[in-house]
Each structure stands twice: as structure tokens, then as C-alpha cells.
Amino acid sequence: MIGSFVSIAVVTFIGILPIANPFSTAVVFLTITEGFSEARRRRQARLACIYMAVVLITFLLLGSLIMNFFGISIPGLRIAGGLIVTRIGFGMLNSKPENEMSEESRSEAVRMDDVAFTPLAMPLLSGPGSIAVTIGMATEAEGVGENLAIVVGIGLVALVSWLVLRASGKVVRVLGATGMNAMGRIMGFLLVCVGIQFIVDGIQNIVSSPAFWGPALDAIRG
């Protein structure tokens, strides 16, 4: 039981962290909080990570409701989520991260008094890819225990993101441009693997479904 709980939490952590990519967000964070005091910058980092966790946990709890409302099947969600995550991963491999801000958006963010929710929490830390993975995890969760494990995984991502943002200046100086690029490519590769696995699982669900083979078998029998 404990092993399963830890396993689900770790899988959630590994699945969401590369998409949230706090290392890439750290560069943006430094830019848009350039005129902030150190205390204010730390507060913005803390609030951004809290908002990110709240957004993802909300989609975790409401995932089934959203799917039922729009008539989305679990295999369909897995394939769609896999395509989104794979696209983000390929973008990071090509040095064009999904959460990269345009110069216009960056300039507008610099003039904002509060940047914790927008653009830090959304769309940088909890964008479409993170939400898709969270809902996908929600569809596979059975019982309160597994959902709680996913919440723990989300909490760990938020914690790591907070630590990275809080030490953003040091992180950027230590890694440098080459290190940041390498980190982005590694996370991009992991995302491609996660996305492809989502797609494979979705296709397997469809192919193994009696509804998929039923019409063909009926035609053969007829």
C-alpha cells in the first residue's frame, strides 16, 4: 500500500516537473521581478507555487466531471494529452520551450504589481501540458489514497519550483546559458517519452475495447 502510494507520487512528480520546468521559468521570473525588493520577490515566488498547486489540484478533483460534461473518453484524453505533452517536448528539444514568453508579454509583465498568478502560475508553471497530465492521472486513480498520492506529487513539484524560483539568481548563474539549454533539452526528451507513452496507452485502451472489435466481428459472423 505504502509502496503504491510512493510510486504514484513519484510518477506524478516526474510527469509534471519537466512540463512546469521551473529552471526555464526562473529566467522569466528574474526579468519580470527586476525592480522588486528581495522580500517581495520571495513572496511572489511562494504565491506562484501555491497558485500552481491549487490550479492542478482543482483539475485533479474536477477532472472526471469535466470529461463527463464534454463527453471525453479516457483513451481520447490520454491520446490528446500525449500529443500536447509530446509537442511541448519536441519544442524544448528544438530550444523553443512552450512556456517561452514573447517580448511584448514580458514587457507587460514587468509593469505588473502582482505576477504570481499571471504569468508565473499560469501559463508558465501550470499550463495546458501540466493540466493534461494531471487530468490523465486523475482518470487512472482509484480511491482517495491514490488521489492523495497525486496531490503529494503535485506538492513536491510546487516545492521544487519554489526552491528554484527563490534561488533563481544563483541557479541561472551556476547553470549559465549552456546549462539552461542542456537542462531544457533533457526535460524535453523526458516529455517526449511521457507523451508517447500516453498515446500508446490510449491506443491500447481503444484496441482492447470490445466496442472497437464488436462491429467487425458482427460483420464477419454475418
C-alpha atoms as a PDB file:
ATOM      1  CA  MET A   1       0.000   0.000   0.000  1.00  0.00           C
ATOM      2  CA  ILE A   2       2.757   2.413   1.024  1.00  0.00           C
ATOM      3  CA  GLY A   3       4.850   1.328  -1.955  1.00  0.00           C
ATOM      4  CA  SER A   4       1.973   2.042  -4.333  1.00  0.00           C
ATOM      5  CA  PHE A   5       1.382   5.446  -2.708  1.00  0.00           C
ATOM      6  CA  VAL A   6       5.035   6.428  -3.101  1.00  0.00           C
ATOM      7  CA  SER A   7       5.135   5.093  -6.663  1.00  0.00           C
ATOM      8  CA  ILE A   8       2.123   7.173  -7.756  1.00  0.00           C
ATOM      9  CA  ALA A   9       3.521  10.283  -6.076  1.00  0.00           C
ATOM     10  CA  VAL A  10       6.885   9.803  -7.823  1.00  0.00           C
ATOM     11  CA  VAL A  11       5.263   9.183 -11.222  1.00  0.00           C
ATOM     12  CA  THR A  12       3.180  12.350 -10.792  1.00  0.00           C
ATOM     13  CA  PHE A  13       6.281  14.312  -9.817  1.00  0.00           C
ATOM     14  CA  ILE A  14       8.297  13.029 -12.786  1.00  0.00           C
ATOM     15  CA  GLY A  15       5.399  13.599 -15.183  1.00  0.00           C
ATOM     16  CA  ILE A  16       4.666  17.209 -14.200  1.00  0.00           C
ATOM     17  CA  LEU A  17       8.083  18.636 -13.256  1.00  0.00           C
ATOM     18  CA  PRO A  18       9.567  18.674 -16.799  1.00  0.00           C
ATOM     19  CA  ILE A  19       6.440  20.448 -18.096  1.00  0.00           C
ATOM     20  CA  ALA A  20       6.421  23.018 -15.300  1.00  0.00           C
ATOM     21  CA  ASN A  21      10.163  23.431 -15.969  1.00  0.00           C
ATOM     22  CA  PRO A  22      10.940  25.857 -13.122  1.00  0.00           C
ATOM     23  CA  PHE A  23      14.514  26.257 -14.412  1.00  0.00           C
ATOM     24  CA  SER A  24      13.226  27.921 -17.564  1.00  0.00           C
ATOM     25  CA  THR A  25      10.684  29.920 -15.580  1.00  0.00           C
ATOM     26  CA  ALA A  26      13.488  31.165 -13.300  1.00  0.00           C
ATOM     27  CA  VAL A  27      14.881  33.285 -16.143  1.00  0.00           C
ATOM     28  CA  VAL A  28      11.490  34.880 -16.775  1.00  0.00           C
ATOM     29  CA  PHE A  29      10.966  35.318 -13.031  1.00  0.00           C
ATOM     30  CA  LEU A  30      14.197  37.285 -12.691  1.00  0.00           C
ATOM     31  CA  THR A  31      13.260  39.531 -15.604  1.00  0.00           C
ATOM     32  CA  ILE A  32       9.726  40.433 -14.533  1.00  0.00           C
ATOM     33  CA  THR A  33      10.676  40.963 -10.860  1.00  0.00           C
ATOM     34  CA  GLU A  34      13.762  43.020 -11.604  1.00  0.00           C
ATOM     35  CA  GLY A  35      12.503  46.079  -9.711  1.00  0.00           C
ATOM     36  CA  PHE A  36      11.130  44.121  -6.753  1.00  0.00           C
ATOM     37  CA  SER A  37      12.705  44.010  -3.312  1.00  0.00           C
ATOM     38  CA  GLU A  38      14.093  40.642  -2.194  1.00  0.00           C
ATOM     39  CA  ALA A  39      11.220  40.124   0.261  1.00  0.00           C
ATOM     40  CA  ARG A  40       8.636  40.940  -2.379  1.00  0.00           C
ATOM     41  CA  ARG A  41      10.321  38.669  -4.918  1.00  0.00           C
ATOM     42  CA  ARG A  42      10.285  35.766  -2.479  1.00  0.00           C
ATOM     43  CA  ARG A  43       6.607  36.390  -1.732  1.00  0.00           C
ATOM     44  CA  GLN A  44       5.776  36.326  -5.441  1.00  0.00           C
ATOM     45  CA  ALA A  45       7.667  33.040  -5.843  1.00  0.00           C
ATOM     46  CA  ARG A  46       5.825  31.498  -2.875  1.00  0.00           C
ATOM     47  CA  LEU A  47       2.398  32.630  -4.090  1.00  0.00           C
ATOM     48  CA  ALA A  48       3.096  31.467  -7.657  1.00  0.00           C
ATOM     49  CA  CYS A  49       3.860  27.933  -6.482  1.00  0.00           C
ATOM     50  CA  ILE A  50       0.811  27.888  -4.189  1.00  0.00           C
ATOM     51  CA  TYR A  51      -1.384  29.025  -7.085  1.00  0.00           C
ATOM     52  CA  MET A  52       0.134  26.376  -9.338  1.00  0.00           C
ATOM     53  CA  ALA A  53      -0.655  23.623  -6.822  1.00  0.00           C
ATOM     54  CA  VAL A  54      -4.215  24.908  -6.343  1.00  0.00           C
ATOM     55  CA  VAL A  55      -4.840  25.014 -10.104  1.00  0.00           C
ATOM     56  CA  LEU A  56      -3.575  21.466 -10.670  1.00  0.00           C
ATOM     57  CA  ILE A  57      -5.362  20.018  -7.637  1.00  0.00           C
ATOM     58  CA  THR A  58      -8.587  21.670  -8.810  1.00  0.00           C
ATOM     59  CA  PHE A  59      -8.295  19.954 -12.186  1.00  0.00           C
ATOM     60  CA  LEU A  60      -7.422  16.709 -10.396  1.00  0.00           C
ATOM     61  CA  LEU A  61     -10.641  16.848  -8.370  1.00  0.00           C
ATOM     62  CA  LEU A  62     -12.832  18.076 -11.229  1.00  0.00           C
ATOM     63  CA  GLY A  63     -11.218  16.010 -13.981  1.00  0.00           C
ATOM     64  CA  SER A  64     -13.942  13.346 -14.153  1.00  0.00           C
ATOM     65  CA  LEU A  65     -16.683  15.983 -14.063  1.00  0.00           C
ATOM     66  CA  ILE A  66     -15.090  17.895 -16.932  1.00  0.00           C
ATOM     67  CA  MET A  67     -14.695  14.727 -19.003  1.00  0.00           C
ATOM     68  CA  ASN A  68     -18.283  13.645 -18.439  1.00  0.00           C
ATOM     69  CA  PHE A  69     -19.597  17.119 -19.246  1.00  0.00           C
ATOM     70  CA  PHE A  70     -17.798  17.219 -22.597  1.00  0.00           C
ATOM     71  CA  GLY A  71     -18.225  13.512 -23.320  1.00  0.00           C
ATOM     72  CA  ILE A  72     -14.486  12.822 -23.415  1.00  0.00           C
ATOM     73  CA  SER A  73     -13.391   9.202 -23.092  1.00  0.00           C
ATOM     74  CA  ILE A  74     -10.326   8.141 -21.108  1.00  0.00           C
ATOM     75  CA  PRO A  75      -8.459   6.825 -24.201  1.00  0.00           C
ATOM     76  CA  GLY A  76      -9.276  10.061 -26.032  1.00  0.00           C
ATOM     77  CA  LEU A  77      -7.935  12.116 -23.129  1.00  0.00           C
ATOM     78  CA  ARG A  78      -4.744  10.073 -22.972  1.00  0.00           C
ATOM     79  CA  ILE A  79      -4.082  10.439 -26.692  1.00  0.00           C
ATOM     80  CA  ALA A  80      -4.863  14.181 -26.672  1.00  0.00           C
ATOM     81  CA  GLY A  81      -2.751  14.734 -23.555  1.00  0.00           C
ATOM     82  CA  GLY A  82       0.046  12.683 -25.098  1.00  0.00           C
ATOM     83  CA  LEU A  83       0.006  14.809 -28.241  1.00  0.00           C
ATOM     84  CA  ILE A  84       0.142  18.034 -26.187  1.00  0.00           C
ATOM     85  CA  VAL A  85       2.981  16.795 -23.993  1.00  0.00           C
ATOM     86  CA  THR A  86       4.917  15.399 -26.975  1.00  0.00           C
ATOM     87  CA  ARG A  87       4.584  18.704 -28.831  1.00  0.00           C
ATOM     88  CA  ILE A  88       5.917  20.597 -25.814  1.00  0.00           C
ATOM     89  CA  GLY A  89       8.784  18.111 -25.516  1.00  0.00           C
ATOM     90  CA  PHE A  90       9.788  18.469 -29.174  1.00  0.00           C
ATOM     91  CA  GLY A  91       9.640  22.247 -28.764  1.00  0.00           C
ATOM     92  CA  MET A  92      12.062  22.038 -25.834  1.00  0.00           C
ATOM     93  CA  LEU A  93      14.379  19.753 -27.804  1.00  0.00           C
ATOM     94  CA  ASN A  94      14.419  22.382 -30.536  1.00  0.00           C
ATOM     95  CA  SER A  95      15.242  25.109 -27.988  1.00  0.00           C
ATOM     96  CA  LYS A  96      11.755  26.613 -28.337  1.00  0.00           C
ATOM     97  CA  PRO A  97      10.067  25.911 -24.981  1.00  0.00           C
ATOM     98  CA  GLU A  98       6.279  26.045 -24.878  1.00  0.00           C
ATOM     99  CA  ASN A  99       6.282  28.409 -21.930  1.00  0.00           C
ATOM    100  CA  GLU A 100       8.592  30.967 -23.531  1.00  0.00           C
ATOM    101  CA  MET A 101       7.144  34.471 -23.318  1.00  0.00           C
ATOM    102  CA  SER A 102       7.112  36.936 -26.165  1.00  0.00           C
ATOM    103  CA  GLU A 103       8.928  40.244 -25.658  1.00  0.00           C
ATOM    104  CA  GLU A 104       5.580  42.066 -25.590  1.00  0.00           C
ATOM    105  CA  SER A 105       4.203  39.777 -22.875  1.00  0.00           C
ATOM    106  CA  ARG A 106       7.430  40.045 -20.919  1.00  0.00           C
ATOM    107  CA  SER A 107       7.369  43.859 -21.043  1.00  0.00           C
ATOM    108  CA  GLU A 108       3.742  43.898 -19.909  1.00  0.00           C
ATOM    109  CA  ALA A 109       4.527  41.536 -17.022  1.00  0.00           C
ATOM    110  CA  VAL A 110       7.358  43.791 -15.850  1.00  0.00           C
ATOM    111  CA  ARG A 111       4.835  46.621 -15.322  1.00  0.00           C
ATOM    112  CA  MET A 112       2.518  44.446 -13.220  1.00  0.00           C
ATOM    113  CA  ASP A 113       2.437  44.755  -9.429  1.00  0.00           C
ATOM    114  CA  ASP A 114       1.486  41.109  -8.896  1.00  0.00           C
ATOM    115  CA  VAL A 115       2.941  38.467 -11.242  1.00  0.00           C
ATOM    116  CA  ALA A 116       2.330  35.421  -9.035  1.00  0.00           C
ATOM    117  CA  PHE A 117      -0.817  34.126 -10.715  1.00  0.00           C
ATOM    118  CA  THR A 118      -0.259  35.519 -14.208  1.00  0.00           C
ATOM    119  CA  PRO A 119       2.125  34.834 -15.844  1.00  0.00           C
ATOM    120  CA  LEU A 120       4.044  32.714 -13.305  1.00  0.00           C
ATOM    121  CA  ALA A 121       1.422  30.211 -12.095  1.00  0.00           C
ATOM    122  CA  MET A 122      -0.495  30.324 -15.384  1.00  0.00           C
ATOM    123  CA  PRO A 123       0.621  29.646 -18.013  1.00  0.00           C
ATOM    124  CA  LEU A 124       4.294  29.166 -17.079  1.00  0.00           C
ATOM    125  CA  LEU A 125       4.165  26.626 -14.231  1.00  0.00           C
ATOM    126  CA  SER A 126       0.691  25.125 -14.739  1.00  0.00           C
ATOM    127  CA  GLY A 127      -0.051  25.371 -18.434  1.00  0.00           C
ATOM    128  CA  PRO A 128      -2.051  23.075 -20.739  1.00  0.00           C
ATOM    129  CA  GLY A 129       0.537  20.293 -20.573  1.00  0.00           C
ATOM    130  CA  SER A 130       0.575  20.131 -16.768  1.00  0.00           C
ATOM    131  CA  ILE A 131      -3.222  20.224 -16.671  1.00  0.00           C
ATOM    132  CA  ALA A 132      -3.496  17.445 -19.275  1.00  0.00           C
ATOM    133  CA  VAL A 133      -1.118  15.210 -17.305  1.00  0.00           C
ATOM    134  CA  THR A 134      -2.996  15.918 -14.064  1.00  0.00           C
ATOM    135  CA  ILE A 135      -6.375  15.014 -15.556  1.00  0.00           C
ATOM    136  CA  GLY A 136      -4.807  11.919 -17.112  1.00  0.00           C
ATOM    137  CA  MET A 137      -3.503  10.850 -13.711  1.00  0.00           C
ATOM    138  CA  ALA A 138      -6.937  11.524 -12.214  1.00  0.00           C
ATOM    139  CA  THR A 139      -8.595   9.106 -14.644  1.00  0.00           C
ATOM    140  CA  GLU A 140      -6.256   6.308 -13.535  1.00  0.00           C
ATOM    141  CA  ALA A 141      -6.584   6.979  -9.805  1.00  0.00           C
ATOM    142  CA  GLU A 142      -8.679   4.543  -7.786  1.00  0.00           C
ATOM    143  CA  GLY A 143      -9.823   5.704  -4.389  1.00  0.00           C
ATOM    144  CA  VAL A 144      -8.877   8.502  -2.045  1.00  0.00           C
ATOM    145  CA  GLY A 145      -5.414   7.083  -1.357  1.00  0.00           C
ATOM    146  CA  GLU A 146      -4.230   7.286  -4.970  1.00  0.00           C
ATOM    147  CA  ASN A 147      -5.692  10.769  -5.398  1.00  0.00           C
ATOM    148  CA  LEU A 148      -3.878  11.828  -2.242  1.00  0.00           C
ATOM    149  CA  ALA A 149      -0.645  10.411  -3.695  1.00  0.00           C
ATOM    150  CA  ILE A 150      -1.129  12.564  -6.809  1.00  0.00           C
ATOM    151  CA  VAL A 151      -1.684  15.600  -4.582  1.00  0.00           C
ATOM    152  CA  VAL A 152       1.607  14.793  -2.823  1.00  0.00           C
ATOM    153  CA  GLY A 153       3.334  14.575  -6.229  1.00  0.00           C
ATOM    154  CA  ILE A 154       1.905  17.974  -7.192  1.00  0.00           C
ATOM    155  CA  GLY A 155       3.038  19.356  -3.847  1.00  0.00           C
ATOM    156  CA  LEU A 156       6.580  18.120  -4.487  1.00  0.00           C
ATOM    157  CA  VAL A 157       6.611  19.830  -7.881  1.00  0.00           C
ATOM    158  CA  ALA A 158       5.428  23.047  -6.229  1.00  0.00           C
ATOM    159  CA  LEU A 159       8.131  22.710  -3.571  1.00  0.00           C
ATOM    160  CA  VAL A 160      10.922  22.197  -6.115  1.00  0.00           C
ATOM    161  CA  SER A 161       9.568  25.083  -8.202  1.00  0.00           C
ATOM    162  CA  TRP A 162       9.565  27.338  -5.136  1.00  0.00           C
ATOM    163  CA  LEU A 163      13.145  26.399  -4.258  1.00  0.00           C
ATOM    164  CA  VAL A 164      14.292  27.067  -7.825  1.00  0.00           C
ATOM    165  CA  LEU A 165      12.467  30.402  -8.089  1.00  0.00           C
ATOM    166  CA  ARG A 166      13.696  31.509  -4.681  1.00  0.00           C
ATOM    167  CA  ALA A 167      17.271  30.762  -5.709  1.00  0.00           C
ATOM    168  CA  SER A 168      16.696  31.813  -9.326  1.00  0.00           C
ATOM    169  CA  GLY A 169      19.625  34.215  -9.424  1.00  0.00           C
ATOM    170  CA  LYS A 170      22.065  31.550  -8.237  1.00  0.00           C
ATOM    171  CA  VAL A 171      20.541  28.872 -10.483  1.00  0.00           C
ATOM    172  CA  VAL A 172      20.907  30.985 -13.616  1.00  0.00           C
ATOM    173  CA  ARG A 173      24.469  31.987 -12.700  1.00  0.00           C
ATOM    174  CA  VAL A 174      25.545  28.412 -11.926  1.00  0.00           C
ATOM    175  CA  LEU A 175      23.956  26.745 -14.948  1.00  0.00           C
ATOM    176  CA  GLY A 176      24.645  29.556 -17.390  1.00  0.00           C
ATOM    177  CA  ALA A 177      23.180  29.696 -20.892  1.00  0.00           C
ATOM    178  CA  THR A 178      24.681  26.326 -21.872  1.00  0.00           C
ATOM    179  CA  GLY A 179      23.484  24.594 -18.719  1.00  0.00           C
ATOM    180  CA  MET A 180      19.970  26.025 -19.021  1.00  0.00           C
ATOM    181  CA  ASN A 181      19.821  24.867 -22.641  1.00  0.00           C
ATOM    182  CA  ALA A 182      21.047  21.378 -21.696  1.00  0.00           C
ATOM    183  CA  MET A 183      18.527  21.155 -18.843  1.00  0.00           C
ATOM    184  CA  GLY A 184      15.727  22.171 -21.188  1.00  0.00           C
ATOM    185  CA  ARG A 185      16.715  19.517 -23.722  1.00  0.00           C
ATOM    186  CA  ILE A 186      16.885  16.785 -21.073  1.00  0.00           C
ATOM    187  CA  MET A 187      13.428  17.711 -19.803  1.00  0.00           C
ATOM    188  CA  GLY A 188      12.197  17.911 -23.390  1.00  0.00           C
ATOM    189  CA  PHE A 189      13.356  14.343 -24.045  1.00  0.00           C
ATOM    190  CA  LEU A 190      11.601  13.140 -20.891  1.00  0.00           C
ATOM    191  CA  LEU A 191       8.421  14.882 -22.016  1.00  0.00           C
ATOM    192  CA  VAL A 192       8.525  13.208 -25.420  1.00  0.00           C
ATOM    193  CA  CYS A 193       8.831   9.823 -23.676  1.00  0.00           C
ATOM    194  CA  VAL A 194       5.923  10.618 -21.327  1.00  0.00           C
ATOM    195  CA  GLY A 195       3.766  11.894 -24.209  1.00  0.00           C
ATOM    196  CA  ILE A 196       4.428   8.860 -26.412  1.00  0.00           C
ATOM    197  CA  GLN A 197       3.582   6.543 -23.508  1.00  0.00           C
ATOM    198  CA  PHE A 198       0.286   8.413 -23.031  1.00  0.00           C
ATOM    199  CA  ILE A 199      -0.529   7.893 -26.714  1.00  0.00           C
ATOM    200  CA  VAL A 200       0.429   4.196 -26.605  1.00  0.00           C
ATOM    201  CA  ASP A 201      -1.745   3.635 -23.527  1.00  0.00           C
ATOM    202  CA  GLY A 202      -4.683   5.399 -25.197  1.00  0.00           C
ATOM    203  CA  ILE A 203      -4.383   3.317 -28.375  1.00  0.00           C
ATOM    204  CA  GLN A 204      -4.092   0.102 -26.352  1.00  0.00           C
ATOM    205  CA  ASN A 205      -7.268   1.016 -24.458  1.00  0.00           C
ATOM    206  CA  ILE A 206      -9.114   1.561 -27.736  1.00  0.00           C
ATOM    207  CA  VAL A 207      -7.828  -1.603 -29.430  1.00  0.00           C
ATOM    208  CA  SER A 208      -8.540  -3.797 -26.387  1.00  0.00           C
ATOM    209  CA  SER A 209     -12.093  -2.461 -26.054  1.00  0.00           C
ATOM    210  CA  PRO A 210     -14.913  -4.832 -27.141  1.00  0.00           C
ATOM    211  CA  ALA A 211     -16.658  -1.819 -28.691  1.00  0.00           C
ATOM    212  CA  PHE A 212     -13.755  -1.472 -31.133  1.00  0.00           C
ATOM    213  CA  TRP A 213     -13.842  -5.070 -32.418  1.00  0.00           C
ATOM    214  CA  GLY A 214     -17.563  -5.707 -31.923  1.00  0.00           C
ATOM    215  CA  PRO A 215     -18.829  -4.296 -35.257  1.00  0.00           C
ATOM    216  CA  ALA A 216     -16.070  -6.057 -37.218  1.00  0.00           C
ATOM    217  CA  LEU A 217     -16.798  -9.419 -35.539  1.00  0.00           C
ATOM    218  CA  ASP A 218     -20.510  -8.999 -36.108  1.00  0.00           C
ATOM    219  CA  ALA A 219     -19.863  -8.308 -39.797  1.00  0.00           C
ATOM    220  CA  ILE A 220     -17.678 -11.427 -40.095  1.00  0.00           C
ATOM    221  CA  ARG A 221     -20.262 -13.576 -38.365  1.00  0.00           C
ATOM    222  CA  GLY A 222     -22.990 -12.131 -40.558  1.00  0.00           C
END
